[in-house]
């Protein structure tokens, strides 16, 4: 029996059959979307892991280089060398679509294209280790930006997977079974009505046949009575 009251008519049965076909088609499409999103998500998670390992290794290199530079230079000289940045960065964000999920794409442009413009100090009063640290930090910045982009994409895909999973479960365990139950209920009621109608028609037919036989017998008796009188 269905969980909700339904009107057991042929029009309602036709409507529910159309609803069931739509729900089954939507269920298949959502399952395909969920499976493809899971594949994309797992690829993204592996990329996040690889980028994070690379970035942590490079940040360790940067830290070591700055540690050596701070040992070779006074703290005042190091602070003065890095006090005013020479290069400015402009960050832009666009989006790309992955299975109906708009994930961000980050890009940045420096004020000048020359790699030498990242050093905000003169080379005479600084150590080579500081140059190495600044250069490595400039390179790791790109990977940090890429990591932020990929992690945000993984987060958005995970949210979309969860929403899609809930919709798939709602269709699979609620909408489709309830609609099928309603269809079975209406079909059973219509079959019962058809059988009841057939039984009534047969009863009426028997009654009409019996009435016709009785009328024929009465006519025959009347005809026989008239024959005897003559």
Foldseek 3Di string as FASTA:
>chain_A
DFPDDDDLDPVSLVVLVVVLVVLVVVLVVLVVLLVQLVVVLVVLVVVLVVLVVVLVVLVVLLVVLVVVQCVVDPPVVVCVQPVDFQKDKDKDWDWDDDSNFTAIDIDMDIPDDDLVRRGSHDPPRGDVSNVVSSSSVVVSVVSVNVSVRSVRVSVRSVVVSVVSVVSSCCSVPPVNVSSVVVSVVSVVVVVVVVVVVVVVVVVVVVVVVVVVVVVVVVVVVVVVVVVVVD
